[in-house]
Amino acid sequence: MPRLCQTDGLSEDQSEILKAVRQFVDEQIIPAAQELEHADEYPTEIIEGLKELGVFGLTIPEEFGGLGESLLTYALVVEEIARGWMSVSGVINTHFIVAYMLIQHGTDEQKQKYLPRMATGEVRGAFSMSEPGLGSDVSAVSTKATKADDGSYSITGQKMWLTNGATSTLVAVLTKTDEGAESVYKNMTTFLVEKEAGFGQTAQGVTVPGKIDKMGYKGVETTELILEGHEIGAEQILGGEPGKGFFQMMDGVEVGRVNVAARACGLAWRGFELGIAYAQQRKTFGKPIAEHQAVLFRLAEMATKVEVAHTMMVKAARLKDTGQRMDVEAGMAKMVASEYANEVVEDSFRIHGGYGYSKEYEIERLMREVKFMLIGEGTSDIQKMIIGRSLLKDYQLR
């Protein structure tokens, strides 16, 4: 087995899970990815296969019907799946974040109600924080939940960039509420909004208009979510207490950054595989181009970047599993993995020459997909702000 992206210290169960997922990727995802991606077709059969493998319940505790695995296991599974087709890893990403938020912050009733059905994939999760005027500045949230005299709420607003916006049936929605706190961040509440799968009006006051047409990241749908006076009970507040939404969402985003780092690692890994294979097949001046020093050096740099990104992603996941704060490590992993993935895929594209520009070749798809890694779960500039501010605290002059 090639040495790239191996991870030491895994249990026998973890190794068996990764082996099963890698086999599934090689046999079911890679052969189908090109046709499905070009058609922008939802990978229904692939998703059913992932359900059977238990991927939707990978991190959900055994008491709720899941496998009870760690964030590290999940991240390594995501890396494998993204190596096959990044869009498929997107299908389970937001589902995982919502399950994680329920495990960490949900009430006992909320856990009992949703987690067993999330473990099987019957209930599918989506994560909704962004808005048309809200990207990295979460304080600008304008979707508002107004409390009625009977204790229920009415939610009105427009959300953007929902992965699984149509296929999901449970959406964690960040709203602004009036808790009377001085800090805007303590006036936000996360609601668990139930809806039907599909487009159009999917619940009273809940509309999913249609798919957003994208440059890449096809197959999985990305949508808006429009809420117009959606009435919801207080029991649907995540954790049962208003005003905690920002902190719950940031906890979810932290693990989401590890997830995006893992997806970027998978893309980089596949880009390297395609590049080194093509470099040994294509001949110029009487020998494979892999034997030309310029290409050989490029391959060496690509492999090093893949390994560095993988190592940083694994470190961040392991820290989170121990319960330690890891916003800096998650930011570093996400920044390095996304930037290196972009560079590795582009180098592979250059190795392919003119053929890389053809839709017949897989590297063309990766070139479009990898750009999403640069912006998903926060740009590199945002990661640098998080990292830099923390460093100033740690190394403050006395």
Protein backbone atom coordinates (compact mmCIF):
# COMPACT_ATOMS: atom_id res chain seq x y z
CA MET A 1 0.00 0.00 0.00
CA PRO A 2 1.37 3.49 -0.83
CA ARG A 3 2.71 5.35 2.20
CA LEU A 4 0.87 8.61 1.55
CA CYS A 5 -1.79 9.58 4.12
CA GLN A 6 -1.30 6.61 6.41
CA THR A 7 -2.16 7.24 10.06
CA ASP A 8 -0.45 5.55 13.00
CA GLY A 9 -2.13 4.55 16.23
CA LEU A 10 -5.52 3.53 14.85
CA SER A 11 -7.53 0.82 16.54
CA GLU A 12 -8.49 -2.35 14.73
CA ASP A 13 -12.07 -1.06 14.38
CA GLN A 14 -10.88 2.22 12.88
CA SER A 15 -8.65 0.41 10.42
CA GLU A 16 -11.49 -1.89 9.38
CA ILE A 17 -13.85 1.06 8.87
CA LEU A 18 -11.32 2.87 6.67
CA LYS A 19 -10.62 -0.29 4.70
CA ALA A 20 -14.34 -0.77 4.01
CA VAL A 21 -14.80 2.88 3.01
CA ARG A 22 -11.73 2.84 0.74
CA GLN A 23 -13.06 -0.25 -1.02
CA PHE A 24 -16.46 1.40 -1.44
CA VAL A 25 -14.81 4.54 -2.86
CA ASP A 26 -12.72 2.57 -5.35
CA GLU A 27 -15.58 0.34 -6.47
CA GLN A 28 -18.68 2.56 -6.22
CA ILE A 29 -17.72 6.25 -6.17
CA ILE A 30 -14.74 6.78 -8.49
CA PRO A 31 -16.28 4.84 -11.44
CA ALA A 32 -19.55 6.82 -11.21
CA ALA A 33 -18.31 10.28 -10.23
CA GLN A 34 -17.54 11.70 -13.67
CA GLU A 35 -20.93 10.89 -15.23
CA LEU A 36 -22.92 12.02 -12.19
CA GLU A 37 -20.93 15.23 -11.77
CA HIS A 38 -21.24 16.24 -15.41
CA ALA A 39 -25.00 15.64 -15.22
CA ASP A 40 -25.24 17.43 -11.84
CA GLU A 41 -27.15 14.35 -10.67
CA TYR A 42 -27.72 13.49 -7.04
CA PRO A 43 -25.77 10.30 -6.15
CA THR A 44 -28.74 8.35 -4.77
CA GLU A 45 -27.22 4.86 -5.02
CA ILE A 46 -23.94 6.00 -3.50
CA ILE A 47 -25.77 7.59 -0.56
CA GLU A 48 -27.76 4.41 0.03
CA GLY A 49 -24.48 2.51 0.11
CA LEU A 50 -23.06 4.91 2.69
CA LYS A 51 -26.17 4.41 4.81
CA GLU A 52 -25.54 0.65 4.78
CA LEU A 53 -21.93 1.23 5.81
CA GLY A 54 -23.16 3.22 8.81
CA VAL A 55 -21.45 6.45 7.76
CA PHE A 56 -24.44 8.66 8.67
CA GLY A 57 -24.24 7.42 12.25
CA LEU A 58 -20.47 7.20 12.46
CA THR A 59 -20.05 9.63 15.38
CA ILE A 60 -23.49 9.18 16.96
CA PRO A 61 -23.23 7.30 20.28
CA GLU A 62 -24.12 3.61 20.31
CA GLU A 63 -27.01 4.27 22.72
CA PHE A 64 -28.71 6.14 19.87
CA GLY A 65 -27.95 3.50 17.23
CA GLY A 66 -24.70 4.94 15.90
CA LEU A 67 -21.15 3.59 15.82
CA GLY A 68 -19.86 5.98 18.48
CA GLU A 69 -16.64 6.75 16.62
CA SER A 70 -14.35 9.74 17.14
CA LEU A 71 -13.95 12.92 15.11
CA LEU A 72 -10.61 11.51 13.91
CA THR A 73 -12.32 8.42 12.47
CA TYR A 74 -14.92 10.61 10.82
CA ALA A 75 -12.29 12.95 9.35
CA LEU A 76 -10.32 10.03 7.90
CA VAL A 77 -13.54 8.61 6.40
CA VAL A 78 -14.32 12.02 4.87
CA GLU A 79 -10.80 12.19 3.42
CA GLU A 80 -11.34 8.81 1.74
CA ILE A 81 -14.76 9.80 0.37
CA ALA A 82 -13.54 13.18 -0.93
CA ARG A 83 -10.71 11.35 -2.69
CA GLY A 84 -13.46 9.63 -4.68
CA TRP A 85 -15.76 12.61 -5.19
CA MET A 86 -15.80 15.70 -3.02
CA SER A 87 -19.53 16.27 -3.48
CA VAL A 88 -20.36 13.01 -1.70
CA SER A 89 -18.40 14.12 1.36
CA GLY A 90 -20.50 17.30 1.29
CA VAL A 91 -23.68 15.24 1.60
CA ILE A 92 -22.62 13.94 5.01
CA ASN A 93 -20.77 17.07 6.20
CA THR A 94 -23.66 19.23 7.38
CA HIS A 95 -25.52 16.14 8.59
CA PHE A 96 -22.54 15.39 10.80
CA ILE A 97 -22.34 18.98 12.12
CA VAL A 98 -26.02 18.96 13.14
CA ALA A 99 -25.60 15.56 14.82
CA TYR A 100 -22.52 16.84 16.64
CA MET A 101 -24.39 19.95 17.85
CA LEU A 102 -27.24 17.78 19.12
CA ILE A 103 -24.82 15.48 20.96
CA GLN A 104 -22.98 18.38 22.57
CA HIS A 105 -25.81 20.85 23.21
CA GLY A 106 -29.18 19.15 22.70
CA THR A 107 -31.64 18.34 25.45
CA ASP A 108 -32.25 14.70 26.33
CA GLU A 109 -35.60 14.89 24.54
CA GLN A 110 -33.99 16.33 21.39
CA LYS A 111 -31.33 13.62 21.37
CA GLN A 112 -33.91 10.86 21.77
CA LYS A 113 -36.13 12.39 19.09
CA TYR A 114 -33.53 12.90 16.35
CA LEU A 115 -30.27 11.01 16.85
CA PRO A 116 -31.56 7.43 16.29
CA ARG A 117 -33.13 8.47 12.97
CA MET A 118 -30.07 10.51 12.02
CA ALA A 119 -27.88 7.46 12.61
CA THR A 120 -29.76 5.53 9.94
CA GLY A 121 -29.99 8.49 7.55
CA GLU A 122 -33.79 8.60 7.85
CA VAL A 123 -33.49 12.16 9.19
CA ARG A 124 -30.96 14.22 7.25
CA GLY A 125 -29.39 17.35 8.70
CA ALA A 126 -28.51 20.75 7.23
CA PHE A 127 -26.68 23.66 8.84
CA SER A 128 -27.90 27.22 8.22
CA MET A 129 -25.94 30.24 9.34
CA SER A 130 -25.08 32.27 6.19
CA GLU A 131 -27.38 34.90 4.70
CA PRO A 132 -27.22 37.08 1.55
CA GLY A 133 -25.53 39.81 3.60
CA LEU A 134 -23.80 37.54 6.08
CA GLY A 135 -20.65 35.57 5.34
CA SER A 136 -17.85 35.64 7.87
CA ASP A 137 -19.49 38.41 9.94
CA VAL A 138 -21.91 36.35 12.01
CA SER A 139 -22.94 39.42 14.02
CA ALA A 140 -24.81 40.60 10.92
CA VAL A 141 -27.44 37.84 11.18
CA SER A 142 -30.83 39.32 10.32
CA THR A 143 -33.13 36.28 10.37
CA LYS A 144 -35.31 37.02 13.37
CA ALA A 145 -37.23 34.81 15.76
CA THR A 146 -39.96 36.76 17.56
CA LYS A 147 -41.39 35.34 20.77
CA ALA A 148 -45.17 35.16 21.17
CA ASP A 149 -47.17 35.44 24.39
CA ASP A 150 -47.62 31.66 24.55
CA GLY A 151 -43.82 31.10 24.46
CA SER A 152 -43.65 29.96 20.83
CA TYR A 153 -41.67 31.80 18.15
CA SER A 154 -42.19 33.11 14.62
CA ILE A 155 -39.11 33.02 12.36
CA THR A 156 -38.68 35.30 9.34
CA GLY A 157 -35.59 35.70 7.18
CA GLN A 158 -33.57 34.47 4.22
CA LYS A 159 -30.71 31.98 4.52
CA MET A 160 -28.09 31.12 1.88
CA TRP A 161 -25.68 28.34 0.90
CA LEU A 162 -27.42 25.38 2.49
CA THR A 163 -25.71 22.16 1.52
CA ASN A 164 -28.42 19.46 1.54
CA GLY A 165 -30.99 22.25 1.51
CA ALA A 166 -33.52 20.10 -0.35
CA THR A 167 -32.70 16.57 0.84
CA SER A 168 -32.51 17.56 4.50
CA THR A 169 -35.46 17.19 6.86
CA LEU A 170 -33.90 18.89 9.91
CA VAL A 171 -32.16 22.26 9.67
CA ALA A 172 -30.19 23.95 12.47
CA VAL A 173 -31.02 27.63 11.85
CA LEU A 174 -29.22 30.54 13.52
CA THR A 175 -31.55 33.44 14.32
CA LYS A 176 -31.50 36.74 16.15
CA THR A 177 -33.62 36.86 19.31
CA ASP A 178 -34.19 39.57 21.86
CA GLU A 179 -32.55 38.41 25.07
CA GLY A 180 -31.73 41.96 26.18
CA ALA A 181 -28.01 41.19 26.32
CA GLU A 182 -25.45 43.90 25.62
CA SER A 183 -23.45 41.62 23.32
CA VAL A 184 -25.06 40.81 19.97
CA TYR A 185 -23.54 37.33 20.22
CA LYS A 186 -25.70 36.60 23.28
CA ASN A 187 -28.85 37.57 21.37
CA MET A 188 -28.73 34.64 18.97
CA THR A 189 -30.61 31.35 19.17
CA THR A 190 -30.35 28.12 17.19
CA PHE A 191 -33.66 26.49 16.23
CA LEU A 192 -34.17 22.94 15.00
CA VAL A 193 -36.49 23.46 12.03
CA GLU A 194 -38.27 20.39 10.68
CA LYS A 195 -39.36 20.23 7.04
CA GLU A 196 -40.10 17.83 4.23
CA ALA A 197 -37.45 16.91 1.68
CA GLY A 198 -37.76 18.61 -1.70
CA PHE A 199 -38.10 22.03 -3.28
CA GLY A 200 -40.88 24.59 -2.93
CA GLN A 201 -42.81 25.03 0.32
CA THR A 202 -41.53 22.20 2.50
CA ALA A 203 -43.30 23.23 5.72
CA GLN A 204 -45.58 26.03 6.91
CA GLY A 205 -43.62 29.22 6.24
CA VAL A 206 -40.55 27.32 4.98
CA THR A 207 -39.56 27.45 1.28
CA VAL A 208 -36.55 25.99 -0.56
CA PRO A 209 -36.66 27.86 -3.90
CA GLY A 210 -34.33 25.69 -5.99
CA LYS A 211 -30.72 24.69 -6.60
CA ILE A 212 -28.01 27.34 -6.90
CA ASP A 213 -26.06 26.63 -10.09
CA LYS A 214 -22.39 26.27 -9.21
CA MET A 215 -19.05 26.05 -10.98
CA GLY A 216 -18.24 22.81 -9.17
CA TYR A 217 -19.44 20.86 -6.12
CA LYS A 218 -22.19 19.42 -8.30
CA GLY A 219 -24.50 16.51 -7.56
CA VAL A 220 -25.19 17.69 -4.01
CA GLU A 221 -27.64 20.59 -3.96
CA THR A 222 -26.87 24.02 -2.53
CA THR A 223 -29.93 26.15 -1.83
CA GLU A 224 -31.51 29.16 -0.19
CA LEU A 225 -33.93 28.79 2.70
CA ILE A 226 -36.75 31.33 3.04
CA LEU A 227 -38.62 31.57 6.32
CA GLU A 228 -41.83 33.62 6.36
CA GLY A 229 -43.53 33.63 9.73
CA HIS A 230 -42.57 30.02 10.43
CA GLU A 231 -44.16 29.13 13.77
CA ILE A 232 -42.05 26.93 16.00
CA GLY A 233 -42.25 25.85 19.62
CA ALA A 234 -39.67 26.70 22.27
CA GLU A 235 -38.92 22.98 22.59
CA GLN A 236 -37.17 23.28 19.21
CA ILE A 237 -34.52 25.64 20.59
CA LEU A 238 -31.26 23.69 20.56
CA GLY A 239 -30.46 22.94 24.20
CA GLY A 240 -33.77 24.44 25.32
CA GLU A 241 -32.28 27.81 26.26
CA PRO A 242 -32.31 30.92 24.00
CA GLY A 243 -29.26 33.14 23.59
CA LYS A 244 -26.77 30.28 23.18
CA GLY A 245 -26.98 30.02 19.41
CA PHE A 246 -23.76 31.77 18.43
CA PHE A 247 -21.61 29.63 20.71
CA GLN A 248 -23.35 26.43 19.58
CA MET A 249 -22.84 27.34 15.94
CA MET A 250 -19.15 28.20 16.47
CA ASP A 251 -18.64 24.82 18.12
CA GLY A 252 -20.18 23.24 15.02
CA VAL A 253 -18.06 25.38 12.70
CA GLU A 254 -14.90 24.30 14.54
CA VAL A 255 -15.50 20.64 13.73
CA GLY A 256 -16.71 21.73 10.29
CA ARG A 257 -13.27 23.22 9.64
CA VAL A 258 -11.68 19.87 10.42
CA ASN A 259 -14.17 18.34 8.02
CA VAL A 260 -13.31 20.78 5.22
CA ALA A 261 -9.62 20.19 5.90
CA ALA A 262 -10.26 16.46 5.49
CA ARG A 263 -12.14 17.03 2.25
CA ALA A 264 -9.29 19.19 0.95
CA CYS A 265 -6.84 16.44 1.91
CA GLY A 266 -8.88 13.94 -0.07
CA LEU A 267 -8.90 16.20 -3.14
CA ALA A 268 -5.15 16.76 -2.86
CA TRP A 269 -4.55 13.04 -2.47
CA ARG A 270 -6.58 12.25 -5.59
CA GLY A 271 -4.88 15.06 -7.52
CA PHE A 272 -1.50 13.57 -6.65
CA GLU A 273 -2.63 10.06 -7.64
CA LEU A 274 -3.82 11.31 -11.04
CA GLY A 275 -0.67 13.36 -11.59
CA ILE A 276 1.84 10.63 -10.77
CA ALA A 277 -0.08 8.06 -12.82
CA TYR A 278 -0.24 10.31 -15.89
CA ALA A 279 3.42 11.31 -15.52
CA GLN A 280 4.44 7.67 -15.84
CA GLN A 281 2.20 7.05 -18.88
CA ARG A 282 2.94 10.19 -20.94
CA LYS A 283 6.22 10.15 -22.84
CA THR A 284 8.23 13.03 -24.30
CA PHE A 285 11.70 13.00 -25.77
CA GLY A 286 11.79 9.21 -25.55
CA LYS A 287 10.98 8.74 -21.86
CA PRO A 288 8.09 9.16 -19.39
CA ILE A 289 7.70 12.76 -18.27
CA ALA A 290 8.04 11.55 -14.67
CA GLU A 291 11.73 11.03 -15.41
CA HIS A 292 12.24 14.67 -16.37
CA GLN A 293 13.61 16.55 -13.40
CA ALA A 294 11.07 19.38 -13.58
CA VAL A 295 8.15 16.94 -13.30
CA LEU A 296 9.90 14.75 -10.74
CA PHE A 297 10.49 17.74 -8.47
CA ARG A 298 6.87 18.80 -8.89
CA LEU A 299 5.67 15.34 -7.84
CA ALA A 300 7.93 15.44 -4.78
CA GLU A 301 6.51 18.80 -3.72
CA MET A 302 2.94 17.62 -4.31
CA ALA A 303 3.39 14.51 -2.14
CA THR A 304 4.97 16.57 0.64
CA LYS A 305 2.06 19.02 0.64
CA VAL A 306 -0.47 16.16 0.76
CA GLU A 307 1.32 14.65 3.74
CA VAL A 308 1.68 17.96 5.62
CA ALA A 309 -2.02 18.79 5.18
CA HIS A 310 -3.04 15.28 6.27
CA THR A 311 -0.86 15.47 9.38
CA MET A 312 -2.24 18.83 10.47
CA MET A 313 -5.80 17.68 9.92
CA VAL A 314 -5.20 14.57 12.04
CA LYS A 315 -3.66 16.66 14.84
CA ALA A 316 -6.67 19.00 14.97
CA ALA A 317 -9.13 16.09 15.03
CA ARG A 318 -7.23 14.34 17.82
CA LEU A 319 -7.19 17.52 19.91
CA LYS A 320 -10.95 17.90 19.56
CA ASP A 321 -11.44 14.28 20.57
CA THR A 322 -9.60 14.94 23.85
CA GLY A 323 -11.95 17.81 24.63
CA GLN A 324 -9.31 20.49 24.23
CA ARG A 325 -9.91 23.85 22.61
CA MET A 326 -8.55 23.69 19.06
CA ASP A 327 -9.81 26.73 17.19
CA VAL A 328 -6.23 27.64 16.23
CA GLU A 329 -5.34 24.10 15.17
CA ALA A 330 -8.60 23.75 13.21
CA GLY A 331 -7.93 27.09 11.50
CA MET A 332 -4.36 26.09 10.66
CA ALA A 333 -5.45 22.71 9.33
CA LYS A 334 -8.23 24.22 7.23
CA MET A 335 -5.98 26.96 5.83
CA VAL A 336 -3.05 24.70 5.00
CA ALA A 337 -5.17 21.85 3.62
CA SER A 338 -7.27 24.08 1.35
CA GLU A 339 -4.32 26.10 0.03
CA TYR A 340 -2.15 23.03 -0.51
CA ALA A 341 -5.02 21.14 -2.14
CA ASN A 342 -5.44 24.00 -4.59
CA GLU A 343 -1.71 23.95 -5.38
CA VAL A 344 -1.48 20.15 -5.69
CA VAL A 345 -4.50 19.90 -7.98
CA GLU A 346 -3.18 22.74 -10.14
CA ASP A 347 0.23 21.04 -10.37
CA SER A 348 -1.49 17.82 -11.42
CA PHE A 349 -3.43 19.82 -14.00
CA ARG A 350 -0.14 21.20 -15.37
CA ILE A 351 1.32 17.69 -15.57
CA HIS A 352 -1.68 16.63 -17.66
CA GLY A 353 -0.98 19.43 -20.15
CA GLY A 354 -3.70 20.02 -22.72
CA TYR A 355 -5.56 16.87 -21.73
CA GLY A 356 -6.20 18.34 -18.29
CA TYR A 357 -8.46 20.92 -19.91
CA SER A 358 -10.69 18.19 -21.35
CA LYS A 359 -13.80 17.10 -19.46
CA GLU A 360 -12.83 13.54 -20.37
CA TYR A 361 -10.11 13.69 -17.72
CA GLU A 362 -10.88 13.60 -14.02
CA ILE A 363 -8.43 16.38 -13.18
CA GLU A 364 -10.69 18.91 -14.92
CA ARG A 365 -13.41 18.14 -12.35
CA LEU A 366 -10.97 18.44 -9.46
CA MET A 367 -9.85 21.86 -10.72
CA ARG A 368 -13.41 23.13 -10.34
CA GLU A 369 -14.12 21.37 -7.06
CA VAL A 370 -10.99 22.41 -5.20
CA LYS A 371 -11.85 26.11 -5.42
CA PHE A 372 -14.72 25.58 -2.98
CA MET A 373 -12.22 24.43 -0.35
CA LEU A 374 -10.71 27.92 -0.36
CA ILE A 375 -13.95 29.52 0.87
CA GLY A 376 -15.94 26.79 2.66
CA GLU A 377 -16.11 27.20 6.48
CA GLY A 378 -14.15 30.47 6.29
CA THR A 379 -11.52 31.77 3.89
CA SER A 380 -7.79 31.60 4.58
CA ASP A 381 -7.90 35.27 5.56
CA ILE A 382 -10.46 34.49 8.28
CA GLN A 383 -8.32 31.58 9.50
CA LYS A 384 -5.30 33.89 9.67
CA MET A 385 -7.28 36.36 11.81
CA ILE A 386 -8.30 33.60 14.22
CA ILE A 387 -4.76 32.22 14.39
CA GLY A 388 -3.08 35.62 14.66
CA ARG A 389 -5.33 36.94 17.45
CA SER A 390 -4.75 33.79 19.47
CA LEU A 391 -0.99 34.02 18.98
CA LEU A 392 -0.99 37.60 20.28
CA LYS A 393 -2.70 36.38 23.45
CA ASP A 394 -0.30 33.46 23.88
CA TYR A 395 2.82 35.52 23.23
CA GLN A 396 1.78 38.81 24.79
CA LEU A 397 4.71 40.93 25.98
CA ARG A 398 4.87 41.22 29.75
